[in-house]
PDB file of N, CA and C in Angstrom:
ATOM      1  N   UNK A   1    -324.303 152.037 109.598  1.00  0.00           N
ATOM      2  CA  UNK A   1    -325.735 152.562 109.381  1.00  0.00           C
ATOM      3  C   UNK A   1    -326.236 152.147 108.046  1.00  0.00           C
ATOM      4  N   UNK A   2    -325.366 152.239 106.982  1.00  0.00           N
ATOM      5  CA  UNK A   2    -325.854 151.878 105.663  1.00  0.00           C
ATOM      6  C   UNK A   2    -326.145 150.394 105.580  1.00  0.00           C
ATOM      7  N   UNK A   3    -325.313 149.521 106.202  1.00  0.00           N
ATOM      8  CA  UNK A   3    -325.500 148.144 106.152  1.00  0.00           C
ATOM      9  C   UNK A   3    -326.826 147.687 106.825  1.00  0.00           C
ATOM     10  N   UNK A   4    -327.150 148.429 107.943  1.00  0.00           N
ATOM     11  CA  UNK A   4    -328.385 148.094 108.651  1.00  0.00           C
ATOM     12  C   UNK A   4    -329.621 148.329 107.675  1.00  0.00           C
ATOM     13  N   UNK A   5    -329.394 149.572 107.023  1.00  0.00           N
ATOM     14  CA  UNK A   5    -330.595 150.007 106.077  1.00  0.00           C
ATOM     15  C   UNK A   5    -330.668 148.970 104.939  1.00  0.00           C
ATOM     16  N   UNK A   6    -329.620 148.528 104.411  1.00  0.00           N
ATOM     17  CA  UNK A   6    -329.588 147.544 103.280  1.00  0.00           C
ATOM     18  C   UNK A   6    -330.178 146.289 103.719  1.00  0.00           C
ATOM     19  N   UNK A   7    -329.873 145.834 104.967  1.00  0.00           N
ATOM     20  CA  UNK A   7    -330.500 144.515 105.315  1.00  0.00           C
ATOM     21  C   UNK A   7    -331.928 144.617 105.517  1.00  0.00           C
ATOM     22  N   UNK A   8    -332.439 145.706 106.133  1.00  0.00           N
ATOM     23  CA  UNK A   8    -333.843 146.063 106.245  1.00  0.00           C
ATOM     24  C   UNK A   8    -334.543 146.132 104.951  1.00  0.00           C
ATOM     25  N   UNK A   9    -333.913 146.764 104.027  1.00  0.00           N
ATOM     26  CA  UNK A   9    -334.427 146.683 102.558  1.00  0.00           C
ATOM     27  C   UNK A   9    -334.694 145.384 102.087  1.00  0.00           C
ATOM     28  N   UNK A  10    -333.720 144.465 102.196  1.00  0.00           N
ATOM     29  CA  UNK A  10    -333.779 143.123 101.624  1.00  0.00           C
ATOM     30  C   UNK A  10    -334.978 142.433 102.330  1.00  0.00           C
ATOM     31  N   UNK A  11    -335.229 142.583 103.603  1.00  0.00           N
ATOM     32  CA  UNK A  11    -336.308 141.971 104.346  1.00  0.00           C
ATOM     33  C   UNK A  11    -337.701 142.492 103.647  1.00  0.00           C
ATOM     34  N   UNK A  12    -337.731 143.806 103.467  1.00  0.00           N
ATOM     35  CA  UNK A  12    -338.968 144.328 102.905  1.00  0.00           C
ATOM     36  C   UNK A  12    -339.106 144.013 101.465  1.00  0.00           C
ATOM     37  N   UNK A  13    -338.082 143.762 100.792  1.00  0.00           N
ATOM     38  CA  UNK A  13    -338.277 143.281  99.344  1.00  0.00           C
ATOM     39  C   UNK A  13    -338.655 141.882  99.303  1.00  0.00           C
ATOM     40  N   UNK A  14    -338.243 141.016 100.230  1.00  0.00           N
ATOM     41  CA  UNK A  14    -338.727 139.640 100.268  1.00  0.00           C
ATOM     42  C   UNK A  14    -340.209 139.662 100.600  1.00  0.00           C
ATOM     43  N   UNK A  15    -340.615 140.458 101.596  1.00  0.00           N
ATOM     44  CA  UNK A  15    -342.034 140.605 102.060  1.00  0.00           C
ATOM     45  C   UNK A  15    -342.900 141.025 100.836  1.00  0.00           C
ATOM     46  N   UNK A  16    -342.324 142.027 100.052  1.00  0.00           N
ATOM     47  CA  UNK A  16    -343.115 142.573  98.981  1.00  0.00           C
ATOM     48  C   UNK A  16    -343.409 141.519  97.905  1.00  0.00           C
ATOM     49  N   UNK A  17    -342.411 140.727  97.729  1.00  0.00           N
ATOM     50  CA  UNK A  17    -342.453 139.565  96.684  1.00  0.00           C
ATOM     51  C   UNK A  17    -343.745 138.644  97.103  1.00  0.00           C
ATOM     52  N   UNK A  18    -343.737 138.550  98.427  1.00  0.00           N
ATOM     53  CA  UNK A  18    -344.900 137.605  98.993  1.00  0.00           C
ATOM     54  C   UNK A  18    -346.212 138.337  98.987  1.00  0.00           C
ATOM     55  N   UNK A  19    -346.316 139.571  98.572  1.00  0.00           N
ATOM     56  CA  UNK A  19    -347.613 140.208  98.419  1.00  0.00           C
ATOM     57  C   UNK A  19    -347.670 141.448  99.595  1.00  0.00           C
ATOM     58  N   UNK A  20    -346.570 142.127  99.596  1.00  0.00           N
ATOM     59  CA  UNK A  20    -346.530 143.271 100.660  1.00  0.00           C
ATOM     60  C   UNK A  20    -347.656 144.404 100.261  1.00  0.00           C
ATOM     61  N   UNK A  21    -348.039 145.162 101.228  1.00  0.00           N
ATOM     62  CA  UNK A  21    -349.039 146.085 100.938  1.00  0.00           C
ATOM     63  C   UNK A  21    -348.359 147.490 100.722  1.00  0.00           C
ATOM     64  N   UNK A  22    -349.253 148.507 100.583  1.00  0.00           N
ATOM     65  CA  UNK A  22    -348.746 149.816 100.336  1.00  0.00           C
ATOM     66  C   UNK A  22    -347.867 150.416 101.410  1.00  0.00           C
ATOM     67  N   UNK A  23    -348.167 150.164 102.611  1.00  0.00           N
ATOM     68  CA  UNK A  23    -347.349 150.654 103.737  1.00  0.00           C
ATOM     69  C   UNK A  23    -345.905 150.041 103.587  1.00  0.00           C
ATOM     70  N   UNK A  24    -345.752 148.919 103.291  1.00  0.00           N
ATOM     71  CA  UNK A  24    -344.396 148.276 103.046  1.00  0.00           C
ATOM     72  C   UNK A  24    -343.657 148.966 101.931  1.00  0.00           C
ATOM     73  N   UNK A  25    -344.431 149.327 100.785  1.00  0.00           N
ATOM     74  CA  UNK A  25    -343.827 149.897  99.745  1.00  0.00           C
ATOM     75  C   UNK A  25    -343.330 151.373 100.008  1.00  0.00           C
ATOM     76  N   UNK A  26    -344.147 152.037 100.892  1.00  0.00           N
ATOM     77  CA  UNK A  26    -343.886 153.401 101.261  1.00  0.00           C
ATOM     78  C   UNK A  26    -342.552 153.328 102.157  1.00  0.00           C
ATOM     79  N   UNK A  27    -342.518 152.333 103.140  1.00  0.00           N
ATOM     80  CA  UNK A  27    -341.395 152.134 104.006  1.00  0.00           C
ATOM     81  C   UNK A  27    -340.143 151.876 103.200  1.00  0.00           C
ATOM     82  N   UNK A  28    -340.250 150.982 102.280  1.00  0.00           N
ATOM     83  CA  UNK A  28    -339.162 150.620 101.387  1.00  0.00           C
ATOM     84  C   UNK A  28    -338.654 151.938 100.619  1.00  0.00           C
ATOM     85  N   UNK A  29    -339.491 152.726 100.163  1.00  0.00           N
ATOM     86  CA  UNK A  29    -339.152 153.920  99.381  1.00  0.00           C
ATOM     87  C   UNK A  29    -338.350 154.910 100.283  1.00  0.00           C
ATOM     88  N   UNK A  30    -338.866 155.038 101.584  1.00  0.00           N
ATOM     89  CA  UNK A  30    -338.204 156.018 102.519  1.00  0.00           C
ATOM     90  C   UNK A  30    -336.803 155.390 102.963  1.00  0.00           C
ATOM     91  N   UNK A  31    -336.699 154.030 103.019  1.00  0.00           N
ATOM     92  CA  UNK A  31    -335.498 153.461 103.472  1.00  0.00           C
ATOM     93  C   UNK A  31    -334.528 153.723 102.267  1.00  0.00           C
ATOM     94  N   UNK A  32    -334.970 153.557 101.094  1.00  0.00           N
ATOM     95  CA  UNK A  32    -333.995 153.777  99.909  1.00  0.00           C
ATOM     96  C   UNK A  32    -333.470 155.250  99.778  1.00  0.00           C
ATOM     97  N   UNK A  33    -334.452 156.106 100.068  1.00  0.00           N
ATOM     98  CA  UNK A  33    -334.042 157.612 100.181  1.00  0.00           C
ATOM     99  C   UNK A  33    -333.051 157.850 101.297  1.00  0.00           C
ATOM    100  N   UNK A  34    -333.306 157.260 102.358  1.00  0.00           N
ATOM    101  CA  UNK A  34    -332.395 157.385 103.559  1.00  0.00           C
ATOM    102  C   UNK A  34    -331.002 156.818 103.228  1.00  0.00           C
ATOM    103  N   UNK A  35    -330.975 155.641 102.474  1.00  0.00           N
ATOM    104  CA  UNK A  35    -329.629 155.010 102.301  1.00  0.00           C
ATOM    105  C   UNK A  35    -328.848 155.946 101.211  1.00  0.00           C
ATOM    106  N   UNK A  36    -329.537 156.479 100.364  1.00  0.00           N
ATOM    107  CA  UNK A  36    -328.910 157.401  99.341  1.00  0.00           C
ATOM    108  C   UNK A  36    -328.365 158.611 100.129  1.00  0.00           C
ATOM    109  N   UNK A  37    -329.187 159.192 100.985  1.00  0.00           N
ATOM    110  CA  UNK A  37    -328.647 160.412 101.749  1.00  0.00           C
ATOM    111  C   UNK A  37    -327.464 160.085 102.572  1.00  0.00           C
ATOM    112  N   UNK A  38    -327.513 158.906 103.348  1.00  0.00           N
ATOM    113  CA  UNK A  38    -326.434 158.551 104.197  1.00  0.00           C
ATOM    114  C   UNK A  38    -325.281 158.240 103.348  1.00  0.00           C
ATOM    115  N   UNK A  39    -325.376 157.578 102.197  1.00  0.00           N
ATOM    116  CA  UNK A  39    -324.201 157.324 101.429  1.00  0.00           C
ATOM    117  C   UNK A  39    -323.543 158.692 100.846  1.00  0.00           C
ATOM    118  N   UNK A  40    -324.381 159.565 100.488  1.00  0.00           N
ATOM    119  CA  UNK A  40    -323.859 160.851  99.960  1.00  0.00           C
ATOM    120  C   UNK A  40    -323.037 161.572 101.056  1.00  0.00           C
ATOM    121  N   UNK A  41    -323.669 161.650 102.370  1.00  0.00           N
ATOM    122  CA  UNK A  41    -322.941 162.180 103.425  1.00  0.00           C
ATOM    123  C   UNK A  41    -321.765 161.519 103.826  1.00  0.00           C
ATOM    124  N   UNK A  42    -321.687 160.215 103.738  1.00  0.00           N
ATOM    125  CA  UNK A  42    -320.412 159.466 104.052  1.00  0.00           C
ATOM    126  C   UNK A  42    -319.412 159.789 103.033  1.00  0.00           C
ATOM    127  N   UNK A  43    -319.750 159.871 101.729  1.00  0.00           N
ATOM    128  CA  UNK A  43    -318.794 160.142 100.678  1.00  0.00           C
ATOM    129  C   UNK A  43    -318.263 161.568 100.815  1.00  0.00           C
ATOM    130  N   UNK A  44    -319.138 162.476 101.137  1.00  0.00           N
ATOM    131  CA  UNK A  44    -318.832 163.865 101.411  1.00  0.00           C
ATOM    132  C   UNK A  44    -317.787 163.990 102.506  1.00  0.00           C
ATOM    133  N   UNK A  45    -318.052 163.342 103.613  1.00  0.00           N
ATOM    134  CA  UNK A  45    -317.156 163.260 104.842  1.00  0.00           C
ATOM    135  C   UNK A  45    -315.849 162.696 104.422  1.00  0.00           C
ATOM    136  N   UNK A  46    -315.777 161.612 103.683  1.00  0.00           N
ATOM    137  CA  UNK A  46    -314.602 160.908 103.290  1.00  0.00           C
ATOM    138  C   UNK A  46    -313.797 161.827 102.465  1.00  0.00           C
ATOM    139  N   UNK A  47    -314.341 162.612 101.513  1.00  0.00           N
ATOM    140  CA  UNK A  47    -313.659 163.570 100.662  1.00  0.00           C
ATOM    141  C   UNK A  47    -313.050 164.642 101.400  1.00  0.00           C
ATOM    142  N   UNK A  48    -313.744 165.185 102.461  1.00  0.00           N
ATOM    143  CA  UNK A  48    -313.271 166.280 103.333  1.00  0.00           C
ATOM    144  C   UNK A  48    -312.092 165.684 104.120  1.00  0.00           C
ATOM    145  N   UNK A  49    -312.147 164.519 104.683  1.00  0.00           N
ATOM    146  CA  UNK A  49    -311.082 163.974 105.376  1.00  0.00           C
ATOM    147  C   UNK A  49    -309.843 163.722 104.527  1.00  0.00           C
ATOM    148  N   UNK A  50    -310.094 163.382 103.324  1.00  0.00           N
ATOM    149  CA  UNK A  50    -308.990 163.117 102.327  1.00  0.00           C
ATOM    150  C   UNK A  50    -308.271 164.429 101.983  1.00  0.00           C
ATOM    151  N   UNK A  51    -309.070 165.533 101.844  1.00  0.00           N
ATOM    152  CA  UNK A  51    -308.478 166.848 101.566  1.00  0.00           C
ATOM    153  C   UNK A  51    -307.602 167.298 102.777  1.00  0.00           C
ATOM    154  N   UNK A  52    -308.211 167.140 103.928  1.00  0.00           N
ATOM    155  CA  UNK A  52    -307.403 167.539 105.235  1.00  0.00           C
ATOM    156  C   UNK A  52    -306.123 166.764 105.311  1.00  0.00           C
ATOM    157  N   UNK A  53    -306.071 165.468 105.007  1.00  0.00           N
ATOM    158  CA  UNK A  53    -304.931 164.686 105.070  1.00  0.00           C
ATOM    159  C   UNK A  53    -303.970 165.111 104.006  1.00  0.00           C
ATOM    160  N   UNK A  54    -304.449 165.397 102.740  1.00  0.00           N
ATOM    161  CA  UNK A  54    -303.607 165.858 101.665  1.00  0.00           C
ATOM    162  C   UNK A  54    -302.933 167.270 101.993  1.00  0.00           C
ATOM    163  N   UNK A  55    -303.815 168.185 102.675  1.00  0.00           N
ATOM    164  CA  UNK A  55    -303.310 169.435 103.026  1.00  0.00           C
ATOM    165  C   UNK A  55    -302.165 169.303 104.023  1.00  0.00           C
ATOM    166  N   UNK A  56    -302.362 168.454 105.063  1.00  0.00           N
ATOM    167  CA  UNK A  56    -301.374 168.266 106.110  1.00  0.00           C
ATOM    168  C   UNK A  56    -300.060 167.674 105.454  1.00  0.00           C
ATOM    169  N   UNK A  57    -300.180 166.864 104.440  1.00  0.00           N
ATOM    170  CA  UNK A  57    -298.955 166.328 103.803  1.00  0.00           C
ATOM    171  C   UNK A  57    -298.223 167.495 103.034  1.00  0.00           C
ATOM    172  N   UNK A  58    -298.964 168.469 102.490  1.00  0.00           N
ATOM    173  CA  UNK A  58    -298.301 169.619 101.778  1.00  0.00           C
ATOM    174  C   UNK A  58    -297.731 170.630 102.737  1.00  0.00           C
ATOM    175  N   UNK A  59    -298.304 170.716 103.849  1.00  0.00           N
ATOM    176  CA  UNK A  59    -297.774 171.734 104.847  1.00  0.00           C
ATOM    177  C   UNK A  59    -296.574 171.323 105.603  1.00  0.00           C
TER     178      UNK A  59
END
């Protein structure tokens, strides 16, 4: 999911360099926020999975 968002951001950044409009800038801002949220959720999930694995090792 994060890779898809990052590729789309690259496309919009290239478009913006060529003179993108306000709508493109808004879309880019939303995509960046979504990428950050997805990244935070993925890292939270990975932490929880790591704790579960560690707990299983100790049990």
